[in-house]
């Protein structure tokens, strides 16, 4: 079985809405694919 990788790319900055959205994505991907490597 292949190793899954999840990459995140944003335009930069630390806006609260962006941080919240990225945090939500990380949380959800951790539930769906706990063994996937996250890059970002």
N, C-alpha and C. Protein backbone atom coordinates (compact mmCIF):
# COMPACT_ATOMS: atom_id res chain seq x y z
N UNK A 1 0.85 -1.18 0.00
CA UNK A 1 0.00 0.00 0.00
C UNK A 1 0.90 1.24 0.00
N UNK A 2 0.51 2.26 -0.75
CA UNK A 2 1.32 3.47 -0.85
C UNK A 2 1.09 4.40 0.33
N UNK A 3 2.12 5.16 0.66
CA UNK A 3 2.04 6.14 1.74
C UNK A 3 1.36 7.40 1.22
N UNK A 4 0.32 7.84 1.87
CA UNK A 4 -0.37 9.07 1.47
C UNK A 4 0.35 10.28 2.05
N UNK A 5 0.36 11.36 1.27
CA UNK A 5 0.93 12.62 1.73
C UNK A 5 -0.10 13.71 1.50
N UNK A 6 -0.22 14.60 2.46
CA UNK A 6 -1.14 15.72 2.38
C UNK A 6 -0.31 16.99 2.44
N UNK A 7 -0.45 17.84 1.42
CA UNK A 7 0.31 19.09 1.38
C UNK A 7 -0.64 20.27 1.52
N UNK A 8 -0.20 21.30 2.22
CA UNK A 8 -1.00 22.51 2.39
C UNK A 8 -0.17 23.70 1.94
N UNK A 9 -0.77 24.52 1.10
CA UNK A 9 -0.10 25.70 0.58
C UNK A 9 -1.06 26.87 0.74
N UNK A 10 -0.60 27.92 1.39
CA UNK A 10 -1.42 29.12 1.55
C UNK A 10 -0.65 30.32 1.02
N UNK A 11 -1.33 31.44 0.91
CA UNK A 11 -0.71 32.66 0.41
C UNK A 11 0.14 33.33 1.49
N UNK A 12 0.12 32.80 2.68
CA UNK A 12 0.91 33.37 3.77
C UNK A 12 0.06 34.21 4.70
N UNK A 13 0.69 34.73 5.71
CA UNK A 13 -0.03 35.53 6.69
C UNK A 13 -0.58 34.67 7.81
N UNK A 14 -1.00 35.33 8.88
CA UNK A 14 -1.52 34.63 10.04
C UNK A 14 -2.92 35.13 10.40
N UNK A 15 -3.76 35.32 9.41
CA UNK A 15 -5.12 35.78 9.66
C UNK A 15 -5.86 34.72 10.48
N UNK A 16 -6.67 35.15 11.46
CA UNK A 16 -7.39 34.18 12.29
C UNK A 16 -8.26 33.22 11.48
N UNK A 17 -8.91 33.72 10.43
CA UNK A 17 -9.77 32.84 9.64
C UNK A 17 -8.95 31.78 8.91
N UNK A 18 -7.76 32.15 8.42
CA UNK A 18 -6.89 31.19 7.73
C UNK A 18 -6.37 30.16 8.72
N UNK A 19 -5.94 30.60 9.88
CA UNK A 19 -5.44 29.68 10.90
C UNK A 19 -6.53 28.70 11.32
N UNK A 20 -7.74 29.18 11.47
CA UNK A 20 -8.86 28.33 11.86
C UNK A 20 -9.17 27.30 10.78
N UNK A 21 -9.17 27.74 9.52
CA UNK A 21 -9.45 26.83 8.41
C UNK A 21 -8.38 25.75 8.29
N UNK A 22 -7.12 26.14 8.38
CA UNK A 22 -6.03 25.17 8.29
C UNK A 22 -6.08 24.20 9.47
N UNK A 23 -6.36 24.72 10.66
CA UNK A 23 -6.50 23.86 11.83
C UNK A 23 -7.62 22.85 11.67
N UNK A 24 -8.73 23.28 11.09
CA UNK A 24 -9.85 22.38 10.84
C UNK A 24 -9.49 21.29 9.84
N UNK A 25 -8.75 21.67 8.80
CA UNK A 25 -8.31 20.68 7.81
C UNK A 25 -7.37 19.66 8.43
N UNK A 26 -6.43 20.13 9.24
CA UNK A 26 -5.49 19.21 9.90
C UNK A 26 -6.24 18.25 10.81
N UNK A 27 -7.19 18.77 11.57
CA UNK A 27 -7.97 17.92 12.47
C UNK A 27 -8.75 16.87 11.69
N UNK A 28 -9.39 17.28 10.61
CA UNK A 28 -10.21 16.34 9.82
C UNK A 28 -9.34 15.30 9.14
N UNK A 29 -8.23 15.73 8.52
CA UNK A 29 -7.34 14.76 7.87
C UNK A 29 -6.74 13.80 8.88
N UNK A 30 -6.50 14.24 10.11
CA UNK A 30 -5.98 13.36 11.15
C UNK A 30 -6.98 12.27 11.50
N UNK A 31 -8.27 12.59 11.40
CA UNK A 31 -9.32 11.59 11.66
C UNK A 31 -9.45 10.61 10.50
N UNK A 32 -9.41 11.14 9.27
CA UNK A 32 -9.64 10.32 8.08
C UNK A 32 -8.43 9.46 7.74
N UNK A 33 -7.24 10.05 7.79
CA UNK A 33 -6.02 9.35 7.39
C UNK A 33 -4.92 9.60 8.43
N UNK A 34 -5.01 8.95 9.59
CA UNK A 34 -4.06 9.23 10.67
C UNK A 34 -2.60 8.88 10.33
N UNK A 35 -2.37 8.01 9.36
CA UNK A 35 -1.00 7.63 9.00
C UNK A 35 -0.41 8.49 7.89
N UNK A 36 -1.19 9.41 7.34
CA UNK A 36 -0.71 10.24 6.24
C UNK A 36 0.29 11.28 6.74
N UNK A 37 1.30 11.54 5.93
CA UNK A 37 2.29 12.56 6.25
C UNK A 37 1.75 13.92 5.82
N UNK A 38 1.84 14.91 6.69
CA UNK A 38 1.38 16.26 6.36
C UNK A 38 2.58 17.15 6.08
N UNK A 39 2.52 17.86 4.96
CA UNK A 39 3.60 18.73 4.52
C UNK A 39 3.02 20.13 4.39
N UNK A 40 3.70 21.12 4.91
CA UNK A 40 3.16 22.46 4.73
C UNK A 40 3.86 23.52 5.50
